[in-house]
C-alpha atoms as a PDB file:
ATOM      1  CA  MET A   1     -18.800   5.644 -21.020  1.00  0.00           C
ATOM      2  CA  ALA A   2     -15.921   3.581 -22.393  1.00  0.00           C
ATOM      3  CA  GLU A   3     -13.697   6.649 -22.287  1.00  0.00           C
ATOM      4  CA  ARG A   4     -14.685   7.270 -18.649  1.00  0.00           C
ATOM      5  CA  THR A   5     -13.879   3.687 -17.677  1.00  0.00           C
ATOM      6  CA  LYS A   6     -10.509   3.881 -19.435  1.00  0.00           C
ATOM      7  CA  SER A   7      -9.715   7.130 -17.630  1.00  0.00           C
ATOM      8  CA  LEU A   8     -10.562   5.593 -14.275  1.00  0.00           C
ATOM      9  CA  GLU A   9      -8.418   2.568 -15.019  1.00  0.00           C
ATOM     10  CA  GLU A  10      -5.459   4.810 -15.829  1.00  0.00           C
ATOM     11  CA  GLU A  11      -5.967   6.655 -12.530  1.00  0.00           C
ATOM     12  CA  GLY A  12      -6.179   3.424 -10.567  1.00  0.00           C
ATOM     13  CA  THR A  13      -2.985   1.961 -11.973  1.00  0.00           C
ATOM     14  CA  GLY A  14      -1.121   5.241 -11.877  1.00  0.00           C
ATOM     15  CA  GLN A  15       0.062   4.557 -15.421  1.00  0.00           C
ATOM     16  CA  ARG A  16       0.871   7.406 -17.778  1.00  0.00           C
ATOM     17  CA  PRO A  17       2.107   7.397 -21.338  1.00  0.00           C
ATOM     18  CA  ALA A  18       5.665   6.126 -20.987  1.00  0.00           C
ATOM     19  CA  ALA A  19       8.774   5.950 -23.025  1.00  0.00           C
ATOM     20  CA  LYS A  20       9.294   2.581 -24.670  1.00  0.00           C
ATOM     21  CA  GLY A  21      12.332   0.743 -25.801  1.00  0.00           C
ATOM     22  CA  GLY A  22      14.292   0.429 -22.560  1.00  0.00           C
ATOM     23  CA  PRO A  23      16.635  -2.497 -21.851  1.00  0.00           C
ATOM     24  CA  THR A  24      14.792  -5.819 -21.709  1.00  0.00           C
ATOM     25  CA  TRP A  25      15.869  -6.485 -18.129  1.00  0.00           C
ATOM     26  CA  VAL A  26      14.139  -3.277 -17.016  1.00  0.00           C
ATOM     27  CA  ALA A  27      10.719  -4.766 -17.781  1.00  0.00           C
ATOM     28  CA  GLY A  28      10.973  -7.176 -14.866  1.00  0.00           C
ATOM     29  CA  LEU A  29      12.700  -4.805 -12.443  1.00  0.00           C
ATOM     30  CA  PRO A  30       9.511  -3.365 -10.835  1.00  0.00           C
ATOM     31  CA  ASN A  31       8.325  -6.859  -9.928  1.00  0.00           C
ATOM     32  CA  LEU A  32      11.771  -7.738  -8.566  1.00  0.00           C
ATOM     33  CA  LEU A  33      11.679  -4.654  -6.341  1.00  0.00           C
ATOM     34  CA  THR A  34       8.225  -5.625  -5.099  1.00  0.00           C
ATOM     35  CA  GLY A  35       9.488  -9.147  -4.442  1.00  0.00           C
ATOM     36  CA  PHE A  36      12.374  -7.702  -2.440  1.00  0.00           C
ATOM     37  CA  ARG A  37       9.921  -5.812  -0.190  1.00  0.00           C
ATOM     38  CA  VAL A  38       8.023  -9.005   0.514  1.00  0.00           C
ATOM     39  CA  LEU A  39      11.141 -11.127   1.082  1.00  0.00           C
ATOM     40  CA  VAL A  40      12.597  -8.765   3.693  1.00  0.00           C
ATOM     41  CA  ILE A  41       9.430  -8.946   5.814  1.00  0.00           C
ATOM     42  CA  PRO A  42      10.624 -11.972   7.866  1.00  0.00           C
ATOM     43  CA  LEU A  43      13.991 -10.292   8.388  1.00  0.00           C
ATOM     44  CA  MET A  44      12.368  -7.090   9.643  1.00  0.00           C
ATOM     45  CA  ILE A  45      10.085  -9.051  11.966  1.00  0.00           C
ATOM     46  CA  GLY A  46      13.048 -11.003  13.328  1.00  0.00           C
ATOM     47  CA  LEU A  47      15.007  -7.818  13.981  1.00  0.00           C
ATOM     48  CA  LEU A  48      12.036  -6.242  15.768  1.00  0.00           C
ATOM     49  CA  LEU A  49      11.426  -9.295  17.939  1.00  0.00           C
ATOM     50  CA  TRP A  50      15.108  -9.204  18.925  1.00  0.00           C
ATOM     51  CA  ASP A  51      14.102  -5.854  20.426  1.00  0.00           C
ATOM     52  CA  GLY A  52      17.508  -4.289  20.844  1.00  0.00           C
ATOM     53  CA  GLN A  53      18.447  -0.763  19.878  1.00  0.00           C
ATOM     54  CA  ALA A  54      20.763  -1.881  17.080  1.00  0.00           C
ATOM     55  CA  SER A  55      18.310  -4.474  15.726  1.00  0.00           C
ATOM     56  CA  ASN A  56      15.430  -1.996  15.811  1.00  0.00           C
ATOM     57  CA  GLN A  57      17.437   0.606  13.940  1.00  0.00           C
ATOM     58  CA  ALA A  58      18.494  -2.012  11.398  1.00  0.00           C
ATOM     59  CA  ALA A  59      14.811  -2.877  10.896  1.00  0.00           C
ATOM     60  CA  ALA A  60      14.049   0.829  10.454  1.00  0.00           C
ATOM     61  CA  CYS A  61      16.748   1.085   7.777  1.00  0.00           C
ATOM     62  CA  LEU A  62      15.284  -1.926   5.949  1.00  0.00           C
ATOM     63  CA  PHE A  63      11.848  -0.315   6.097  1.00  0.00           C
ATOM     64  CA  ILE A  64      13.293   2.871   4.588  1.00  0.00           C
ATOM     65  CA  VAL A  65      14.859   0.825   1.774  1.00  0.00           C
ATOM     66  CA  ALA A  66      11.481  -0.869   1.221  1.00  0.00           C
ATOM     67  CA  GLY A  67       9.869   2.559   0.910  1.00  0.00           C
ATOM     68  CA  ILE A  68      12.479   3.643  -1.625  1.00  0.00           C
ATOM     69  CA  THR A  69      11.862   0.530  -3.738  1.00  0.00           C
ATOM     70  CA  ASP A  70       8.141   1.300  -3.599  1.00  0.00           C
ATOM     71  CA  VAL A  71       8.823   4.660  -5.254  1.00  0.00           C
ATOM     72  CA  LEU A  72      11.374   3.284  -7.710  1.00  0.00           C
ATOM     73  CA  ASP A  73       9.244   0.452  -9.106  1.00  0.00           C
ATOM     74  CA  GLY A  74       6.458   2.879 -10.028  1.00  0.00           C
ATOM     75  CA  LEU A  75       8.887   5.325 -11.614  1.00  0.00           C
ATOM     76  CA  ILE A  76      10.571   2.593 -13.652  1.00  0.00           C
ATOM     77  CA  ALA A  77       7.265   1.110 -14.790  1.00  0.00           C
ATOM     78  CA  ARG A  78       6.039   4.505 -16.010  1.00  0.00           C
ATOM     79  CA  ARG A  79       9.351   5.557 -17.544  1.00  0.00           C
ATOM     80  CA  TYR A  80       9.832   2.412 -19.619  1.00  0.00           C
ATOM     81  CA  GLY A  81       6.213   1.380 -20.064  1.00  0.00           C
ATOM     82  CA  SER A  82       6.889  -1.906 -18.307  1.00  0.00           C
ATOM     83  CA  GLY A  83       3.854  -1.779 -16.020  1.00  0.00           C
ATOM     84  CA  SER A  84       1.200  -4.496 -16.129  1.00  0.00           C
ATOM     85  CA  GLN A  85      -2.041  -5.260 -14.323  1.00  0.00           C
ATOM     86  CA  LEU A  86      -0.342  -8.169 -12.542  1.00  0.00           C
ATOM     87  CA  GLY A  87       2.547  -5.907 -11.553  1.00  0.00           C
ATOM     88  CA  VAL A  88       0.132  -3.322 -10.139  1.00  0.00           C
ATOM     89  CA  PHE A  89      -1.568  -6.065  -8.109  1.00  0.00           C
ATOM     90  CA  PHE A  90       1.732  -7.340  -6.696  1.00  0.00           C
ATOM     91  CA  ASP A  91       2.781  -3.783  -5.861  1.00  0.00           C
ATOM     92  CA  LEU A  92      -0.434  -3.087  -3.947  1.00  0.00           C
ATOM     93  CA  VAL A  93      -0.366  -6.391  -2.077  1.00  0.00           C
ATOM     94  CA  GLY A  94       3.345  -6.098  -1.297  1.00  0.00           C
ATOM     95  CA  ASP A  95       2.910  -2.683   0.329  1.00  0.00           C
ATOM     96  CA  LYS A  96       0.027  -3.913   2.453  1.00  0.00           C
ATOM     97  CA  LEU A  97       1.890  -7.038   3.566  1.00  0.00           C
ATOM     98  CA  VAL A  98       4.842  -4.954   4.763  1.00  0.00           C
ATOM     99  CA  VAL A  99       2.696  -2.548   6.782  1.00  0.00           C
ATOM    100  CA  ALA A 100       0.451  -5.294   8.185  1.00  0.00           C
ATOM    101  CA  ALA A 101       3.416  -7.418   9.266  1.00  0.00           C
ATOM    102  CA  LEU A 102       5.067  -4.498  11.051  1.00  0.00           C
ATOM    103  CA  VAL A 103       2.009  -3.212  12.923  1.00  0.00           C
ATOM    104  CA  ILE A 104       1.054  -6.722  14.071  1.00  0.00           C
ATOM    105  CA  THR A 105       4.601  -7.221  15.345  1.00  0.00           C
ATOM    106  CA  MET A 106       4.388  -3.871  17.131  1.00  0.00           C
ATOM    107  CA  VAL A 107       1.252  -5.050  18.932  1.00  0.00           C
ATOM    108  CA  GLU A 108       3.129  -8.180  20.032  1.00  0.00           C
ATOM    109  CA  LEU A 109       5.927  -5.962  21.383  1.00  0.00           C
ATOM    110  CA  GLY A 110       3.453  -3.693  23.158  1.00  0.00           C
ATOM    111  CA  TRP A 111       4.459  -0.631  21.143  1.00  0.00           C
ATOM    112  CA  ILE A 112       0.952   0.115  19.840  1.00  0.00           C
ATOM    113  CA  PRO A 113      -2.528  -0.984  20.989  1.00  0.00           C
ATOM    114  CA  GLY A 114      -4.436  -3.615  19.052  1.00  0.00           C
ATOM    115  CA  TRP A 115      -7.123  -1.167  17.936  1.00  0.00           C
ATOM    116  CA  MET A 116      -4.488   0.903  16.152  1.00  0.00           C
ATOM    117  CA  ALA A 117      -3.223  -2.132  14.225  1.00  0.00           C
ATOM    118  CA  PHE A 118      -6.845  -2.953  13.382  1.00  0.00           C
ATOM    119  CA  GLY A 119      -7.224   0.530  11.890  1.00  0.00           C
ATOM    120  CA  PHE A 120      -4.168   0.109   9.670  1.00  0.00           C
ATOM    121  CA  VAL A 121      -4.892  -3.452   8.532  1.00  0.00           C
ATOM    122  CA  GLY A 122      -8.684  -3.121   8.415  1.00  0.00           C
ATOM    123  CA  ARG A 123      -8.486  -0.162   6.051  1.00  0.00           C
ATOM    124  CA  GLU A 124      -6.287  -2.099   3.615  1.00  0.00           C
ATOM    125  CA  ILE A 125      -8.595  -5.132   3.609  1.00  0.00           C
ATOM    126  CA  PHE A 126     -11.639  -2.892   3.170  1.00  0.00           C
ATOM    127  CA  VAL A 127     -10.134  -0.975   0.236  1.00  0.00           C
ATOM    128  CA  MET A 128      -8.961  -4.183  -1.463  1.00  0.00           C
ATOM    129  CA  GLY A 129     -12.505  -5.556  -1.169  1.00  0.00           C
ATOM    130  CA  MET A 130     -14.011  -2.357  -2.561  1.00  0.00           C
ATOM    131  CA  ARG A 131     -11.468  -2.334  -5.391  1.00  0.00           C
ATOM    132  CA  ALA A 132     -12.348  -5.929  -6.309  1.00  0.00           C
ATOM    133  CA  TYR A 133     -16.092  -5.176  -6.161  1.00  0.00           C
ATOM    134  CA  ALA A 134     -15.746  -2.108  -8.378  1.00  0.00           C
ATOM    135  CA  GLY A 135     -13.372  -3.911 -10.745  1.00  0.00           C
ATOM    136  CA  ALA A 136     -15.939  -6.682 -11.251  1.00  0.00           C
ATOM    137  CA  GLN A 137     -18.208  -3.995 -12.720  1.00  0.00           C
ATOM    138  CA  GLY A 138     -15.527  -2.549 -14.977  1.00  0.00           C
ATOM    139  CA  VAL A 139     -14.664   0.443 -12.791  1.00  0.00           C
ATOM    140  CA  THR A 140     -11.273   1.207 -11.271  1.00  0.00           C
ATOM    141  CA  VAL A 141     -11.063   4.130  -8.869  1.00  0.00           C
ATOM    142  CA  SER A 142      -7.825   5.647  -7.649  1.00  0.00           C
ATOM    143  CA  ALA A 143      -7.305   6.387  -3.961  1.00  0.00           C
ATOM    144  CA  GLY A 144      -5.997   9.757  -5.191  1.00  0.00           C
ATOM    145  CA  GLN A 145      -3.506  12.069  -3.541  1.00  0.00           C
ATOM    146  CA  LEU A 146      -4.907  11.234  -0.118  1.00  0.00           C
ATOM    147  CA  GLY A 147      -3.907   7.605  -0.642  1.00  0.00           C
ATOM    148  CA  LYS A 148      -0.362   8.636  -1.582  1.00  0.00           C
ATOM    149  CA  MET A 149      -0.114  10.877   1.477  1.00  0.00           C
ATOM    150  CA  LYS A 150      -1.381   8.018   3.608  1.00  0.00           C
ATOM    151  CA  MET A 151       1.405   5.762   2.404  1.00  0.00           C
ATOM    152  CA  MET A 152       4.015   8.471   2.951  1.00  0.00           C
ATOM    153  CA  TRP A 153       2.885   9.077   6.536  1.00  0.00           C
ATOM    154  CA  GLN A 154       2.741   5.351   7.235  1.00  0.00           C
ATOM    155  CA  TYR A 155       6.366   4.971   6.204  1.00  0.00           C
ATOM    156  CA  MET A 156       7.422   8.055   8.156  1.00  0.00           C
ATOM    157  CA  GLY A 157       5.462   7.271  11.309  1.00  0.00           C
ATOM    158  CA  LEU A 158       6.306   3.577  11.506  1.00  0.00           C
ATOM    159  CA  THR A 159       9.972   4.193  10.725  1.00  0.00           C
ATOM    160  CA  ALA A 160      10.169   6.768  13.515  1.00  0.00           C
ATOM    161  CA  LEU A 161       8.441   4.412  15.964  1.00  0.00           C
ATOM    162  CA  ILE A 162      10.786   1.546  15.106  1.00  0.00           C
ATOM    163  CA  TRP A 163      13.797   3.829  15.573  1.00  0.00           C
ATOM    164  CA  ASP A 164      12.728   5.145  18.978  1.00  0.00           C
ATOM    165  CA  ARG A 165       9.564   5.308  21.101  1.00  0.00           C
ATOM    166  CA  VAL A 166       9.316   8.977  22.061  1.00  0.00           C
ATOM    167  CA  PRO A 167       6.231  11.268  22.205  1.00  0.00           C
ATOM    168  CA  LEU A 168       6.883  12.718  18.746  1.00  0.00           C
ATOM    169  CA  THR A 169       6.881   9.284  17.121  1.00  0.00           C
ATOM    170  CA  TRP A 170       3.578   8.411  18.814  1.00  0.00           C
ATOM    171  CA  ALA A 171       2.094  11.592  17.376  1.00  0.00           C
ATOM    172  CA  MET A 172       3.381  10.704  13.902  1.00  0.00           C
ATOM    173  CA  VAL A 173       1.897   7.197  14.054  1.00  0.00           C
ATOM    174  CA  THR A 174      -1.435   8.568  15.282  1.00  0.00           C
ATOM    175  CA  PHE A 175      -1.518  11.039  12.400  1.00  0.00           C
ATOM    176  CA  ALA A 176      -0.619   8.229   9.979  1.00  0.00           C
ATOM    177  CA  LEU A 177      -3.576   6.247  11.327  1.00  0.00           C
ATOM    178  CA  ALA A 178      -5.876   9.248  10.859  1.00  0.00           C
ATOM    179  CA  MET A 179      -4.687   9.587   7.254  1.00  0.00           C
ATOM    180  CA  THR A 180      -5.196   5.855   6.752  1.00  0.00           C
ATOM    181  CA  VAL A 181      -8.820   5.982   7.927  1.00  0.00           C
ATOM    182  CA  ALA A 182      -9.535   9.202   6.015  1.00  0.00           C
ATOM    183  CA  SER A 183      -8.193   7.776   2.752  1.00  0.00           C
ATOM    184  CA  GLY A 184     -10.326   4.673   3.244  1.00  0.00           C
ATOM    185  CA  LEU A 185     -13.460   6.788   3.694  1.00  0.00           C
ATOM    186  CA  TYR A 186     -12.522   8.851   0.647  1.00  0.00           C
ATOM    187  CA  TYR A 187     -12.186   5.667  -1.388  1.00  0.00           C
ATOM    188  CA  LEU A 188     -15.592   4.462  -0.182  1.00  0.00           C
ATOM    189  CA  VAL A 189     -17.238   7.728  -1.242  1.00  0.00           C
ATOM    190  CA  SER A 190     -15.458   7.678  -4.628  1.00  0.00           C
ATOM    191  CA  VAL A 191     -16.471   4.091  -5.386  1.00  0.00           C
ATOM    192  CA  THR A 192     -20.062   4.709  -4.274  1.00  0.00           C
ATOM    193  CA  ARG A 193     -20.276   7.738  -6.560  1.00  0.00           C
ATOM    194  CA  GLU A 194     -18.930   5.829  -9.577  1.00  0.00           C
ATOM    195  CA  LEU A 195     -21.210   2.831  -9.020  1.00  0.00           C
ATOM    196  CA  ARG A 196     -24.364   4.868  -8.407  1.00  0.00           C
ATOM    197  CA  GLY A 197     -27.085   3.850 -10.821  1.00  0.00           C
ATOM    198  CA  ARG A 198     -25.424   0.592 -11.846  1.00  0.00           C
ATOM    199  CA  PRO A 199     -27.354  -2.649 -11.305  1.00  0.00           C
ATOM    200  CA  ALA A 200     -26.166  -4.709  -8.355  1.00  0.00           C
ATOM    201  CA  PRO A 201     -24.215  -7.823  -9.342  1.00  0.00           C
ATOM    202  CA  ASP A 202     -25.487 -11.301  -8.561  1.00  0.00           C
ATOM    203  CA  VAL A 203     -24.872 -12.370  -4.984  1.00  0.00           C
ATOM    204  CA  PRO A 204     -22.315 -15.230  -5.010  1.00  0.00           C
ATOM    205  CA  ASP A 205     -23.117 -18.522  -3.351  1.00  0.00           C
ATOM    206  CA  PRO A 206     -21.787 -18.903   0.217  1.00  0.00           C
ATOM    207  CA  PHE A 207     -18.746 -21.069   0.780  1.00  0.00           C
END
């Protein structure tokens, strides 16, 4: 059982055996990249609310850079063994803050309906809650390849929509939403399967 739990934890964090002994400054680089993604959120929102062609395209470029840093911080953490549980948490929260901020701003601009933003943001809140519930019982479940595809399509669809509102970009965002919902359902099934047969935890007191 201990081996199974360890395997699940490795899947959830995406950590693999990594090469050690890199430069000391590399250890903190993944967290710095995550911090950059969070810090540029107000700038992206401001550019979108300016709602000009140049400002929208600048926001799209920033979003692309944020996506690149999302890939780089994971690669660096695995390559140099500098990943940590706190770093994984910041990475997950940072990604969700970026997407949530953008889709809420898009609702304000009238680019997407509110129900679509609810689908994007609601899925992230739901999965974070399920992850916390499972983690409290010593189980960490990865969202799997579907979760990675979801993130890729979110970046592609939202970037295209920021750049220009044409029928193709609407189709890309709709597909990204479908992937978002599907990955959330997959995570629910995976967590339910892993927790089957375990005793329910004590119900916490209400606030």
